[in-house]
Amino acid sequence: MSGLLDFLLEHYAGKFPVWLAPQQVAVLPISDRFAPYAGEVALKLKQNRVRVQVDERNEKIGKKIREAEMMRIPYMLGVGEKEMHENMLSVRRQGRGDAGILPVADFLKNIVAEISERKSVE
């Protein structure tokens, strides 16, 4: 088993495709006020078998994004005032940057499809 893991780590250089990544999504509230909304988003993702964690640390959003990038988490979802009131997500792709603002339902549909299709890293 460890030989397979070594092969995968070397082959993907740590940048696993979404379906294989240990953590597929990081939800990043821009302040403590938005942690409950971040938790709601994470729950919806978990209910659809997406591996997700909320970064509730009291750090600046830039630091949270940098650390998620370094951990090679495929998707980072920023949540703040606008996103909470409009039921949206500010989506970032690992290594690609800003992917725009999406409704929660659209992001959920897209990531579930991407995981089930087992797309490779582009």
PDB file of N, CA and C in Angstrom:
ATOM      1  N   MET A   1       0.825  -1.196   0.000  1.00  0.00           N
ATOM      2  CA  MET A   1       0.000   0.000   0.000  1.00  0.00           C
ATOM      3  C   MET A   1       0.866   1.254   0.000  1.00  0.00           C
ATOM      4  N   SER A   2       1.955   1.245   0.762  1.00  0.00           N
ATOM      5  CA  SER A   2       2.787   2.445   0.819  1.00  0.00           C
ATOM      6  C   SER A   2       3.453   2.700  -0.525  1.00  0.00           C
ATOM      7  N   GLY A   3       3.729   1.656  -1.294  1.00  0.00           N
ATOM      8  CA  GLY A   3       4.297   1.832  -2.631  1.00  0.00           C
ATOM      9  C   GLY A   3       3.332   2.568  -3.542  1.00  0.00           C
ATOM     10  N   LEU A   4       2.052   2.248  -3.443  1.00  0.00           N
ATOM     11  CA  LEU A   4       1.033   2.932  -4.240  1.00  0.00           C
ATOM     12  C   LEU A   4       0.942   4.399  -3.839  1.00  0.00           C
ATOM     13  N   LEU A   5       0.961   4.660  -2.549  1.00  0.00           N
ATOM     14  CA  LEU A   5       0.908   6.037  -2.066  1.00  0.00           C
ATOM     15  C   LEU A   5       2.129   6.826  -2.535  1.00  0.00           C
ATOM     16  N   ASP A   6       3.301   6.208  -2.465  1.00  0.00           N
ATOM     17  CA  ASP A   6       4.522   6.866  -2.945  1.00  0.00           C
ATOM     18  C   ASP A   6       4.415   7.191  -4.428  1.00  0.00           C
ATOM     19  N   PHE A   7       3.903   6.241  -5.204  1.00  0.00           N
ATOM     20  CA  PHE A   7       3.736   6.460  -6.641  1.00  0.00           C
ATOM     21  C   PHE A   7       2.792   7.630  -6.910  1.00  0.00           C
ATOM     22  N   LEU A   8       1.648   7.650  -6.216  1.00  0.00           N
ATOM     23  CA  LEU A   8       0.671   8.722  -6.424  1.00  0.00           C
ATOM     24  C   LEU A   8       1.239  10.084  -6.035  1.00  0.00           C
ATOM     25  N   LEU A   9       1.946  10.131  -4.920  1.00  0.00           N
ATOM     26  CA  LEU A   9       2.552  11.397  -4.490  1.00  0.00           C
ATOM     27  C   LEU A   9       3.554  11.902  -5.522  1.00  0.00           C
ATOM     28  N   GLU A  10       4.368  10.989  -6.040  1.00  0.00           N
ATOM     29  CA  GLU A  10       5.359  11.391  -7.038  1.00  0.00           C
ATOM     30  C   GLU A  10       4.686  11.776  -8.352  1.00  0.00           C
ATOM     31  N   HIS A  11       3.722  10.984  -8.773  1.00  0.00           N
ATOM     32  CA  HIS A  11       3.045  11.228 -10.049  1.00  0.00           C
ATOM     33  C   HIS A  11       2.321  12.576 -10.072  1.00  0.00           C
ATOM     34  N   TYR A  12       1.608  12.884  -9.006  1.00  0.00           N
ATOM     35  CA  TYR A  12       0.826  14.122  -8.958  1.00  0.00           C
ATOM     36  C   TYR A  12       1.579  15.280  -8.303  1.00  0.00           C
ATOM     37  N   ALA A  13       2.788  15.050  -7.836  1.00  0.00           N
ATOM     38  CA  ALA A  13       3.594  16.075  -7.161  1.00  0.00           C
ATOM     39  C   ALA A  13       2.796  16.760  -6.045  1.00  0.00           C
ATOM     40  N   GLY A  14       1.967  15.981  -5.362  1.00  0.00           N
ATOM     41  CA  GLY A  14       1.165  16.515  -4.267  1.00  0.00           C
ATOM     42  C   GLY A  14      -0.107  17.212  -4.702  1.00  0.00           C
ATOM     43  N   LYS A  15      -0.271  17.451  -6.011  1.00  0.00           N
ATOM     44  CA  LYS A  15      -1.474  18.132  -6.526  1.00  0.00           C
ATOM     45  C   LYS A  15      -2.461  17.072  -7.014  1.00  0.00           C
ATOM     46  N   PHE A  16      -3.113  16.434  -6.068  1.00  0.00           N
ATOM     47  CA  PHE A  16      -4.055  15.378  -6.418  1.00  0.00           C
ATOM     48  C   PHE A  16      -5.262  15.941  -7.146  1.00  0.00           C
ATOM     49  N   PRO A  17      -5.856  15.138  -8.052  1.00  0.00           N
ATOM     50  CA  PRO A  17      -7.139  15.564  -8.618  1.00  0.00           C
ATOM     51  C   PRO A  17      -8.166  15.643  -7.486  1.00  0.00           C
ATOM     52  N   VAL A  18      -9.223  16.386  -7.715  1.00  0.00           N
ATOM     53  CA  VAL A  18     -10.212  16.624  -6.654  1.00  0.00           C
ATOM     54  C   VAL A  18     -10.713  15.318  -6.052  1.00  0.00           C
ATOM     55  N   TRP A  19     -11.024  14.333  -6.867  1.00  0.00           N
ATOM     56  CA  TRP A  19     -11.619  13.098  -6.361  1.00  0.00           C
ATOM     57  C   TRP A  19     -10.673  12.329  -5.449  1.00  0.00           C
ATOM     58  N   LEU A  20      -9.362  12.564  -5.568  1.00  0.00           N
ATOM     59  CA  LEU A  20      -8.375  11.820  -4.797  1.00  0.00           C
ATOM     60  C   LEU A  20      -7.804  12.622  -3.621  1.00  0.00           C
ATOM     61  N   ALA A  21      -8.016  13.917  -3.608  1.00  0.00           N
ATOM     62  CA  ALA A  21      -7.444  14.784  -2.570  1.00  0.00           C
ATOM     63  C   ALA A  21      -7.994  14.426  -1.188  1.00  0.00           C
ATOM     64  N   PRO A  22      -7.125  14.344  -0.180  1.00  0.00           N
ATOM     65  CA  PRO A  22      -7.599  14.041   1.178  1.00  0.00           C
ATOM     66  C   PRO A  22      -8.604  15.080   1.683  1.00  0.00           C
ATOM     67  N   GLN A  23      -8.350  16.336   1.403  1.00  0.00           N
ATOM     68  CA  GLN A  23      -9.306  17.412   1.704  1.00  0.00           C
ATOM     69  C   GLN A  23      -9.604  18.096   0.379  1.00  0.00           C
ATOM     70  N   GLN A  24     -10.865  18.070  -0.021  1.00  0.00           N
ATOM     71  CA  GLN A  24     -11.247  18.598  -1.327  1.00  0.00           C
ATOM     72  C   GLN A  24     -11.593  20.079  -1.295  1.00  0.00           C
ATOM     73  N   VAL A  25     -12.102  20.545  -0.161  1.00  0.00           N
ATOM     74  CA  VAL A  25     -12.566  21.930  -0.054  1.00  0.00           C
ATOM     75  C   VAL A  25     -12.187  22.504   1.308  1.00  0.00           C
ATOM     76  N   ALA A  26     -11.758  23.766   1.294  1.00  0.00           N
ATOM     77  CA  ALA A  26     -11.570  24.532   2.531  1.00  0.00           C
ATOM     78  C   ALA A  26     -12.545  25.697   2.480  1.00  0.00           C
ATOM     79  N   VAL A  27     -13.382  25.822   3.503  1.00  0.00           N
ATOM     80  CA  VAL A  27     -14.294  26.963   3.594  1.00  0.00           C
ATOM     81  C   VAL A  27     -13.616  27.989   4.497  1.00  0.00           C
ATOM     82  N   LEU A  28     -13.447  29.211   3.960  1.00  0.00           N
ATOM     83  CA  LEU A  28     -12.660  30.236   4.633  1.00  0.00           C
ATOM     84  C   LEU A  28     -13.510  31.458   4.955  1.00  0.00           C
ATOM     85  N   PRO A  29     -14.081  31.520   6.164  1.00  0.00           N
ATOM     86  CA  PRO A  29     -14.826  32.726   6.543  1.00  0.00           C
ATOM     87  C   PRO A  29     -13.856  33.895   6.729  1.00  0.00           C
ATOM     88  N   ILE A  30     -14.255  35.090   6.256  1.00  0.00           N
ATOM     89  CA  ILE A  30     -13.336  36.227   6.365  1.00  0.00           C
ATOM     90  C   ILE A  30     -13.266  36.786   7.780  1.00  0.00           C
ATOM     91  N   SER A  31     -14.231  36.439   8.623  1.00  0.00           N
ATOM     92  CA  SER A  31     -14.163  36.794  10.047  1.00  0.00           C
ATOM     93  C   SER A  31     -15.051  35.835  10.834  1.00  0.00           C
ATOM     94  N   ASP A  32     -14.949  35.905  12.152  1.00  0.00           N
ATOM     95  CA  ASP A  32     -15.725  35.015  13.024  1.00  0.00           C
ATOM     96  C   ASP A  32     -17.228  35.137  12.791  1.00  0.00           C
ATOM     97  N   ARG A  33     -17.673  36.316  12.396  1.00  0.00           N
ATOM     98  CA  ARG A  33     -19.113  36.541  12.164  1.00  0.00           C
ATOM     99  C   ARG A  33     -19.691  35.595  11.127  1.00  0.00           C
ATOM    100  N   PHE A  34     -18.854  35.146  10.207  1.00  0.00           N
ATOM    101  CA  PHE A  34     -19.350  34.338   9.101  1.00  0.00           C
ATOM    102  C   PHE A  34     -19.100  32.844   9.294  1.00  0.00           C
ATOM    103  N   ALA A  35     -18.578  32.466  10.461  1.00  0.00           N
ATOM    104  CA  ALA A  35     -18.326  31.056  10.754  1.00  0.00           C
ATOM    105  C   ALA A  35     -19.603  30.213  10.720  1.00  0.00           C
ATOM    106  N   PRO A  36     -20.755  30.698  11.248  1.00  0.00           N
ATOM    107  CA  PRO A  36     -21.972  29.883  11.157  1.00  0.00           C
ATOM    108  C   PRO A  36     -22.383  29.598   9.704  1.00  0.00           C
ATOM    109  N   TYR A  37     -22.290  30.609   8.830  1.00  0.00           N
ATOM    110  CA  TYR A  37     -22.613  30.391   7.412  1.00  0.00           C
ATOM    111  C   TYR A  37     -21.615  29.409   6.795  1.00  0.00           C
ATOM    112  N   ALA A  38     -20.339  29.548   7.140  1.00  0.00           N
ATOM    113  CA  ALA A  38     -19.320  28.622   6.636  1.00  0.00           C
ATOM    114  C   ALA A  38     -19.652  27.194   7.071  1.00  0.00           C
ATOM    115  N   GLY A  39     -20.127  27.038   8.307  1.00  0.00           N
ATOM    116  CA  GLY A  39     -20.521  25.725   8.802  1.00  0.00           C
ATOM    117  C   GLY A  39     -21.703  25.147   8.043  1.00  0.00           C
ATOM    118  N   GLU A  40     -22.671  25.999   7.683  1.00  0.00           N
ATOM    119  CA  GLU A  40     -23.822  25.542   6.890  1.00  0.00           C
ATOM    120  C   GLU A  40     -23.368  25.050   5.519  1.00  0.00           C
ATOM    121  N   VAL A  41     -22.470  25.806   4.896  1.00  0.00           N
ATOM    122  CA  VAL A  41     -21.942  25.417   3.583  1.00  0.00           C
ATOM    123  C   VAL A  41     -21.214  24.081   3.700  1.00  0.00           C
ATOM    124  N   ALA A  42     -20.367  23.946   4.721  1.00  0.00           N
ATOM    125  CA  ALA A  42     -19.616  22.706   4.920  1.00  0.00           C
ATOM    126  C   ALA A  42     -20.551  21.522   5.142  1.00  0.00           C
ATOM    127  N   LEU A  43     -21.625  21.727   5.895  1.00  0.00           N
ATOM    128  CA  LEU A  43     -22.580  20.648   6.139  1.00  0.00           C
ATOM    129  C   LEU A  43     -23.221  20.177   4.834  1.00  0.00           C
ATOM    130  N   LYS A  44     -23.613  21.111   3.975  1.00  0.00           N
ATOM    131  CA  LYS A  44     -24.201  20.737   2.679  1.00  0.00           C
ATOM    132  C   LYS A  44     -23.214  19.924   1.854  1.00  0.00           C
ATOM    133  N   LEU A  45     -21.946  20.328   1.880  1.00  0.00           N
ATOM    134  CA  LEU A  45     -20.927  19.590   1.137  1.00  0.00           C
ATOM    135  C   LEU A  45     -20.728  18.199   1.727  1.00  0.00           C
ATOM    136  N   LYS A  46     -20.633  18.108   3.060  1.00  0.00           N
ATOM    137  CA  LYS A  46     -20.444  16.815   3.720  1.00  0.00           C
ATOM    138  C   LYS A  46     -21.604  15.867   3.437  1.00  0.00           C
ATOM    139  N   GLN A  47     -22.819  16.409   3.375  1.00  0.00           N
ATOM    140  CA  GLN A  47     -23.986  15.578   3.090  1.00  0.00           C
ATOM    141  C   GLN A  47     -23.908  14.975   1.690  1.00  0.00           C
ATOM    142  N   ASN A  48     -23.066  15.546   0.840  1.00  0.00           N
ATOM    143  CA  ASN A  48     -22.858  15.030  -0.516  1.00  0.00           C
ATOM    144  C   ASN A  48     -21.491  14.362  -0.657  1.00  0.00           C
ATOM    145  N   ARG A  49     -20.942  13.953   0.475  1.00  0.00           N
ATOM    146  CA  ARG A  49     -19.683  13.203   0.543  1.00  0.00           C
ATOM    147  C   ARG A  49     -18.471  13.957   0.004  1.00  0.00           C
ATOM    148  N   VAL A  50     -18.484  15.256   0.155  1.00  0.00           N
ATOM    149  CA  VAL A  50     -17.322  16.072  -0.193  1.00  0.00           C
ATOM    150  C   VAL A  50     -16.493  16.228   1.079  1.00  0.00           C
ATOM    151  N   ARG A  51     -15.191  16.005   0.970  1.00  0.00           N
ATOM    152  CA  ARG A  51     -14.299  16.138   2.130  1.00  0.00           C
ATOM    153  C   ARG A  51     -13.955  17.620   2.311  1.00  0.00           C
ATOM    154  N   VAL A  52     -14.465  18.189   3.392  1.00  0.00           N
ATOM    155  CA  VAL A  52     -14.395  19.638   3.596  1.00  0.00           C
ATOM    156  C   VAL A  52     -14.072  19.960   5.045  1.00  0.00           C
ATOM    157  N   GLN A  53     -13.381  21.091   5.233  1.00  0.00           N
ATOM    158  CA  GLN A  53     -13.145  21.608   6.576  1.00  0.00           C
ATOM    159  C   GLN A  53     -13.311  23.115   6.549  1.00  0.00           C
ATOM    160  N   VAL A  54     -13.763  23.654   7.674  1.00  0.00           N
ATOM    161  CA  VAL A  54     -13.900  25.103   7.831  1.00  0.00           C
ATOM    162  C   VAL A  54     -12.678  25.596   8.599  1.00  0.00           C
ATOM    163  N   ASP A  55     -12.039  26.622   8.073  1.00  0.00           N
ATOM    164  CA  ASP A  55     -10.895  27.234   8.757  1.00  0.00           C
ATOM    165  C   ASP A  55     -11.423  28.376   9.620  1.00  0.00           C
ATOM    166  N   GLU A  56     -11.686  28.089  10.889  1.00  0.00           N
ATOM    167  CA  GLU A  56     -12.275  29.074  11.802  1.00  0.00           C
ATOM    168  C   GLU A  56     -11.223  29.852  12.589  1.00  0.00           C
ATOM    169  N   ARG A  57      -9.955  29.701  12.228  1.00  0.00           N
ATOM    170  CA  ARG A  57      -8.905  30.411  12.960  1.00  0.00           C
ATOM    171  C   ARG A  57      -9.067  31.918  12.810  1.00  0.00           C
ATOM    172  N   ASN A  58      -8.615  32.637  13.797  1.00  0.00           N
ATOM    173  CA  ASN A  58      -8.682  34.092  13.780  1.00  0.00           C
ATOM    174  C   ASN A  58      -7.460  34.640  13.039  1.00  0.00           C
ATOM    175  N   GLU A  59      -7.418  34.395  11.731  1.00  0.00           N
ATOM    176  CA  GLU A  59      -6.323  34.840  10.862  1.00  0.00           C
ATOM    177  C   GLU A  59      -6.909  35.656   9.724  1.00  0.00           C
ATOM    178  N   LYS A  60      -6.076  36.456   9.090  1.00  0.00           N
ATOM    179  CA  LYS A  60      -6.520  37.216   7.920  1.00  0.00           C
ATOM    180  C   LYS A  60      -6.809  36.250   6.780  1.00  0.00           C
ATOM    181  N   ILE A  61      -7.760  36.614   5.917  1.00  0.00           N
ATOM    182  CA  ILE A  61      -8.176  35.739   4.819  1.00  0.00           C
ATOM    183  C   ILE A  61      -7.001  35.414   3.891  1.00  0.00           C
ATOM    184  N   GLY A  62      -6.109  36.374   3.669  1.00  0.00           N
ATOM    185  CA  GLY A  62      -4.946  36.124   2.813  1.00  0.00           C
ATOM    186  C   GLY A  62      -4.074  34.998   3.338  1.00  0.00           C
ATOM    187  N   LYS A  63      -3.892  34.962   4.651  1.00  0.00           N
ATOM    188  CA  LYS A  63      -3.089  33.897   5.264  1.00  0.00           C
ATOM    189  C   LYS A  63      -3.797  32.553   5.134  1.00  0.00           C
ATOM    190  N   LYS A  64      -5.115  32.545   5.327  1.00  0.00           N
ATOM    191  CA  LYS A  64      -5.872  31.298   5.189  1.00  0.00           C
ATOM    192  C   LYS A  64      -5.759  30.761   3.764  1.00  0.00           C
ATOM    193  N   ILE A  65      -5.854  31.653   2.782  1.00  0.00           N
ATOM    194  CA  ILE A  65      -5.749  31.241   1.379  1.00  0.00           C
ATOM    195  C   ILE A  65      -4.354  30.690   1.100  1.00  0.00           C
ATOM    196  N   ARG A  66      -3.321  31.407   1.525  1.00  0.00           N
ATOM    197  CA  ARG A  66      -1.936  30.953   1.300  1.00  0.00           C
ATOM    198  C   ARG A  66      -1.713  29.566   1.889  1.00  0.00           C
ATOM    199  N   GLU A  67      -2.186  29.364   3.109  1.00  0.00           N
ATOM    200  CA  GLU A  67      -1.972  28.070   3.758  1.00  0.00           C
ATOM    201  C   GLU A  67      -2.754  26.957   3.063  1.00  0.00           C
ATOM    202  N   ALA A  68      -3.963  27.253   2.609  1.00  0.00           N
ATOM    203  CA  ALA A  68      -4.738  26.251   1.867  1.00  0.00           C
ATOM    204  C   ALA A  68      -4.043  25.922   0.547  1.00  0.00           C
ATOM    205  N   GLU A  69      -3.469  26.928  -0.110  1.00  0.00           N
ATOM    206  CA  GLU A  69      -2.704  26.702  -1.349  1.00  0.00           C
ATOM    207  C   GLU A  69      -1.502  25.802  -1.061  1.00  0.00           C
ATOM    208  N   MET A  70      -0.787  26.083   0.020  1.00  0.00           N
ATOM    209  CA  MET A  70       0.392  25.282   0.368  1.00  0.00           C
ATOM    210  C   MET A  70       0.009  23.841   0.701  1.00  0.00           C
ATOM    211  N   MET A  71      -1.198  23.656   1.251  1.00  0.00           N
ATOM    212  CA  MET A  71      -1.684  22.307   1.562  1.00  0.00           C
ATOM    213  C   MET A  71      -2.256  21.625   0.319  1.00  0.00           C
ATOM    214  N   ARG A  72      -2.281  22.359  -0.787  1.00  0.00           N
ATOM    215  CA  ARG A  72      -2.770  21.864  -2.087  1.00  0.00           C
ATOM    216  C   ARG A  72      -4.226  21.394  -2.026  1.00  0.00           C
ATOM    217  N   ILE A  73      -5.042  22.159  -1.322  1.00  0.00           N
ATOM    218  CA  ILE A  73      -6.476  21.878  -1.271  1.00  0.00           C
ATOM    219  C   ILE A  73      -7.074  22.385  -2.581  1.00  0.00           C
ATOM    220  N   PRO A  74      -7.763  21.524  -3.337  1.00  0.00           N
ATOM    221  CA  PRO A  74      -8.226  21.911  -4.676  1.00  0.00           C
ATOM    222  C   PRO A  74      -9.150  23.128  -4.724  1.00  0.00           C
ATOM    223  N   TYR A  75     -10.076  23.244  -3.776  1.00  0.00           N
ATOM    224  CA  TYR A  75     -11.017  24.371  -3.786  1.00  0.00           C
ATOM    225  C   TYR A  75     -10.982  25.112  -2.460  1.00  0.00           C
ATOM    226  N   MET A  76     -10.982  26.437  -2.552  1.00  0.00           N
ATOM    227  CA  MET A  76     -11.086  27.307  -1.383  1.00  0.00           C
ATOM    228  C   MET A  76     -12.322  28.176  -1.581  1.00  0.00           C
ATOM    229  N   LEU A  77     -13.185  28.193  -0.587  1.00  0.00           N
ATOM    230  CA  LEU A  77     -14.428  28.952  -0.673  1.00  0.00           C
ATOM    231  C   LEU A  77     -14.403  30.085   0.343  1.00  0.00           C
ATOM    232  N   GLY A  78     -14.322  31.304  -0.137  1.00  0.00           N
ATOM    233  CA  GLY A  78     -14.362  32.465   0.737  1.00  0.00           C
ATOM    234  C   GLY A  78     -15.802  32.844   1.028  1.00  0.00           C
ATOM    235  N   VAL A  79     -16.090  33.101   2.295  1.00  0.00           N
ATOM    236  CA  VAL A  79     -17.440  33.525   2.665  1.00  0.00           C
ATOM    237  C   VAL A  79     -17.363  34.768   3.542  1.00  0.00           C
ATOM    238  N   GLY A  80     -18.151  35.762   3.154  1.00  0.00           N
ATOM    239  CA  GLY A  80     -18.219  37.021   3.882  1.00  0.00           C
ATOM    240  C   GLY A  80     -19.642  37.548   3.855  1.00  0.00           C
ATOM    241  N   GLU A  81     -19.785  38.832   4.062  1.00  0.00           N
ATOM    242  CA  GLU A  81     -21.104  39.484   4.143  1.00  0.00           C
ATOM    243  C   GLU A  81     -21.944  39.242   2.890  1.00  0.00           C
ATOM    244  N   LYS A  82     -21.391  39.590   1.739  1.00  0.00           N
ATOM    245  CA  LYS A  82     -22.137  39.477   0.480  1.00  0.00           C
ATOM    246  C   LYS A  82     -22.523  38.026   0.198  1.00  0.00           C
ATOM    247  N   GLU A  83     -21.561  37.126   0.364  1.00  0.00           N
ATOM    248  CA  GLU A  83     -21.834  35.713   0.090  1.00  0.00           C
ATOM    249  C   GLU A  83     -22.924  35.174   1.012  1.00  0.00           C
ATOM    250  N   MET A  84     -22.877  35.558   2.279  1.00  0.00           N
ATOM    251  CA  MET A  84     -23.860  35.075   3.248  1.00  0.00           C
ATOM    252  C   MET A  84     -25.265  35.560   2.892  1.00  0.00           C
ATOM    253  N   HIS A  85     -25.404  36.847   2.575  1.00  0.00           N
ATOM    254  CA  HIS A  85     -26.729  37.402   2.290  1.00  0.00           C
ATOM    255  C   HIS A  85     -27.304  36.923   0.960  1.00  0.00           C
ATOM    256  N   GLU A  86     -26.429  36.566   0.025  1.00  0.00           N
ATOM    257  CA  GLU A  86     -26.898  36.151  -1.302  1.00  0.00           C
ATOM    258  C   GLU A  86     -26.803  34.642  -1.514  1.00  0.00           C
ATOM    259  N   ASN A  87     -26.401  33.885  -0.466  1.00  0.00           N
ATOM    260  CA  ASN A  87     -26.250  32.432  -0.549  1.00  0.00           C
ATOM    261  C   ASN A  87     -25.292  32.042  -1.676  1.00  0.00           C
ATOM    262  N   MET A  88     -24.147  32.731  -1.685  1.00  0.00           N
ATOM    263  CA  MET A  88     -23.146  32.535  -2.727  1.00  0.00           C
ATOM    264  C   MET A  88     -21.818  32.113  -2.098  1.00  0.00           C
ATOM    265  N   LEU A  89     -20.853  31.795  -2.976  1.00  0.00           N
ATOM    266  CA  LEU A  89     -19.503  31.436  -2.553  1.00  0.00           C
ATOM    267  C   LEU A  89     -18.496  32.120  -3.462  1.00  0.00           C
ATOM    268  N   SER A  90     -17.425  32.613  -2.893  1.00  0.00           N
ATOM    269  CA  SER A  90     -16.303  33.132  -3.668  1.00  0.00           C
ATOM    270  C   SER A  90     -15.334  31.965  -3.847  1.00  0.00           C
ATOM    271  N   VAL A  91     -15.231  31.461  -5.066  1.00  0.00           N
ATOM    272  CA  VAL A  91     -14.520  30.215  -5.340  1.00  0.00           C
ATOM    273  C   VAL A  91     -13.105  30.494  -5.860  1.00  0.00           C
ATOM    274  N   ARG A  92     -12.135  29.777  -5.305  1.00  0.00           N
ATOM    275  CA  ARG A  92     -10.747  29.802  -5.794  1.00  0.00           C
ATOM    276  C   ARG A  92     -10.323  28.369  -6.077  1.00  0.00           C
ATOM    277  N   ARG A  93      -9.575  28.185  -7.159  1.00  0.00           N
ATOM    278  CA  ARG A  93      -8.995  26.879  -7.484  1.00  0.00           C
ATOM    279  C   ARG A  93      -7.527  26.884  -7.115  1.00  0.00           C
ATOM    280  N   GLN A  94      -7.057  25.805  -6.564  1.00  0.00           N
ATOM    281  CA  GLN A  94      -5.656  25.681  -6.182  1.00  0.00           C
ATOM    282  C   GLN A  94      -4.787  25.834  -7.431  1.00  0.00           C
ATOM    283  N   GLY A  95      -3.839  26.748  -7.364  1.00  0.00           N
ATOM    284  CA  GLY A  95      -2.923  26.972  -8.470  1.00  0.00           C
ATOM    285  C   GLY A  95      -3.475  27.795  -9.616  1.00  0.00           C
ATOM    286  N   ARG A  96      -4.766  28.109  -9.592  1.00  0.00           N
ATOM    287  CA  ARG A  96      -5.389  28.869 -10.683  1.00  0.00           C
ATOM    288  C   ARG A  96      -5.972  30.195 -10.236  1.00  0.00           C
ATOM    289  N   GLY A  97      -6.176  30.360  -8.951  1.00  0.00           N
ATOM    290  CA  GLY A  97      -6.706  31.619  -8.439  1.00  0.00           C
ATOM    291  C   GLY A  97      -8.216  31.713  -8.491  1.00  0.00           C
ATOM    292  N   ASP A  98      -8.692  32.941  -8.604  1.00  0.00           N
ATOM    293  CA  ASP A  98     -10.120  33.255  -8.529  1.00  0.00           C
ATOM    294  C   ASP A  98     -10.909  32.567  -9.638  1.00  0.00           C
ATOM    295  N   ALA A  99     -11.962  31.855  -9.239  1.00  0.00           N
ATOM    296  CA  ALA A  99     -12.835  31.183 -10.205  1.00  0.00           C
ATOM    297  C   ALA A  99     -14.222  31.816 -10.221  1.00  0.00           C
ATOM    298  N   GLY A 100     -14.393  32.947  -9.528  1.00  0.00           N
ATOM    299  CA  GLY A 100     -15.661  33.664  -9.571  1.00  0.00           C
ATOM    300  C   GLY A 100     -16.559  33.410  -8.377  1.00  0.00           C
ATOM    301  N   ILE A 101     -17.745  34.007  -8.468  1.00  0.00           N
ATOM    302  CA  ILE A 101     -18.767  33.892  -7.422  1.00  0.00           C
ATOM    303  C   ILE A 101     -19.849  32.959  -7.954  1.00  0.00           C
ATOM    304  N   LEU A 102     -20.206  31.961  -7.155  1.00  0.00           N
ATOM    305  CA  LEU A 102     -21.223  30.992  -7.566  1.00  0.00           C
ATOM    306  C   LEU A 102     -22.256  30.803  -6.467  1.00  0.00           C
ATOM    307  N   PRO A 103     -23.508  30.524  -6.860  1.00  0.00           N
ATOM    308  CA  PRO A 103     -24.489  30.103  -5.858  1.00  0.00           C
ATOM    309  C   PRO A 103     -24.034  28.772  -5.236  1.00  0.00           C
ATOM    310  N   VAL A 104     -24.352  28.571  -3.983  1.00  0.00           N
ATOM    311  CA  VAL A 104     -23.954  27.343  -3.290  1.00  0.00           C
ATOM    312  C   VAL A 104     -24.419  26.116  -4.065  1.00  0.00           C
ATOM    313  N   ALA A 105     -25.667  26.118  -4.531  1.00  0.00           N
ATOM    314  CA  ALA A 105     -26.215  24.956  -5.241  1.00  0.00           C
ATOM    315  C   ALA A 105     -25.421  24.645  -6.503  1.00  0.00           C
ATOM    316  N   ASP A 106     -24.992  25.676  -7.233  1.00  0.00           N
ATOM    317  CA  ASP A 106     -24.215  25.453  -8.461  1.00  0.00           C
ATOM    318  C   ASP A 106     -22.842  24.869  -8.144  1.00  0.00           C
ATOM    319  N   PHE A 107     -22.173  25.418  -7.127  1.00  0.00           N
ATOM    320  CA  PHE A 107     -20.864  24.877  -6.756  1.00  0.00           C
ATOM    321  C   PHE A 107     -21.006  23.424  -6.332  1.00  0.00           C
ATOM    322  N   LEU A 108     -22.012  23.128  -5.532  1.00  0.00           N
ATOM    323  CA  LEU A 108     -22.239  21.765  -5.059  1.00  0.00           C
ATOM    324  C   LEU A 108     -22.453  20.815  -6.232  1.00  0.00           C
ATOM    325  N   LYS A 109     -23.290  21.211  -7.175  1.00  0.00           N
ATOM    326  CA  LYS A 109     -23.549  20.379  -8.355  1.00  0.00           C
ATOM    327  C   LYS A 109     -22.257  20.145  -9.139  1.00  0.00           C
ATOM    328  N   ASN A 110     -21.466  21.213  -9.325  1.00  0.00           N
ATOM    329  CA  ASN A 110     -20.231  21.114 -10.104  1.00  0.00           C
ATOM    330  C   ASN A 110     -19.193  20.208  -9.446  1.00  0.00           C
ATOM    331  N   ILE A 111     -18.998  20.362  -8.140  1.00  0.00           N
ATOM    332  CA  ILE A 111     -17.953  19.565  -7.487  1.00  0.00           C
ATOM    333  C   ILE A 111     -18.364  18.102  -7.372  1.00  0.00           C
ATOM    334  N   VAL A 112     -19.636  17.845  -7.121  1.00  0.00           N
ATOM    335  CA  VAL A 112     -20.099  16.453  -7.053  1.00  0.00           C
ATOM    336  C   VAL A 112     -19.900  15.778  -8.413  1.00  0.00           C
ATOM    337  N   ALA A 113     -20.194  16.495  -9.497  1.00  0.00           N
ATOM    338  CA  ALA A 113     -19.983  15.948 -10.845  1.00  0.00           C
ATOM    339  C   ALA A 113     -18.495  15.713 -11.101  1.00  0.00           C
ATOM    340  N   GLU A 114     -17.663  16.674 -10.728  1.00  0.00           N
ATOM    341  CA  GLU A 114     -16.217  16.535 -10.948  1.00  0.00           C
ATOM    342  C   GLU A 114     -15.658  15.334 -10.186  1.00  0.00           C
ATOM    343  N   ILE A 115     -16.118  15.139  -8.964  1.00  0.00           N
ATOM    344  CA  ILE A 115     -15.648  14.008  -8.162  1.00  0.00           C
ATOM    345  C   ILE A 115     -16.137  12.691  -8.760  1.00  0.00           C
ATOM    346  N   SER A 116     -17.394  12.624  -9.142  1.00  0.00           N
ATOM    347  CA  SER A 116     -17.944  11.363  -9.661  1.00  0.00           C
ATOM    348  C   SER A 116     -17.355  10.994 -11.021  1.00  0.00           C
ATOM    349  N   GLU A 117     -16.959  11.999 -11.810  1.00  0.00           N
ATOM    350  CA  GLU A 117     -16.345  11.729 -13.118  1.00  0.00           C
ATOM    351  C   GLU A 117     -14.862  11.402 -12.999  1.00  0.00           C
ATOM    352  N   ARG A 118     -14.309  11.609 -11.810  1.00  0.00           N
ATOM    353  CA  ARG A 118     -12.893  11.338 -11.538  1.00  0.00           C
ATOM    354  C   ARG A 118     -11.978  11.970 -12.582  1.00  0.00           C
ATOM    355  N   LYS A 119     -12.213  13.238 -12.805  1.00  0.00           N
ATOM    356  CA  LYS A 119     -11.367  13.976 -13.745  1.00  0.00           C
ATOM    357  C   LYS A 119      -9.950  14.058 -13.196  1.00  0.00           C
ATOM    358  N   SER A 120      -8.992  14.037 -14.096  1.00  0.00           N
ATOM    359  CA  SER A 120      -7.593  14.144 -13.705  1.00  0.00           C
ATOM    360  C   SER A 120      -7.194  15.603 -13.601  1.00  0.00           C
ATOM    361  N   VAL A 121      -6.010  15.848 -13.089  1.00  0.00           N
ATOM    362  CA  VAL A 121      -5.491  17.207 -12.980  1.00  0.00           C
ATOM    363  C   VAL A 121      -5.232  17.732 -14.380  1.00  0.00           C
ATOM    364  N   GLU A 122      -5.693  18.963 -14.621  1.00  0.00           N
ATOM    365  CA  GLU A 122      -5.522  19.541 -15.958  1.00  0.00           C
ATOM    366  C   GLU A 122      -4.242  20.317 -16.046  1.00  0.00           C
TER     367      GLU A 122
END
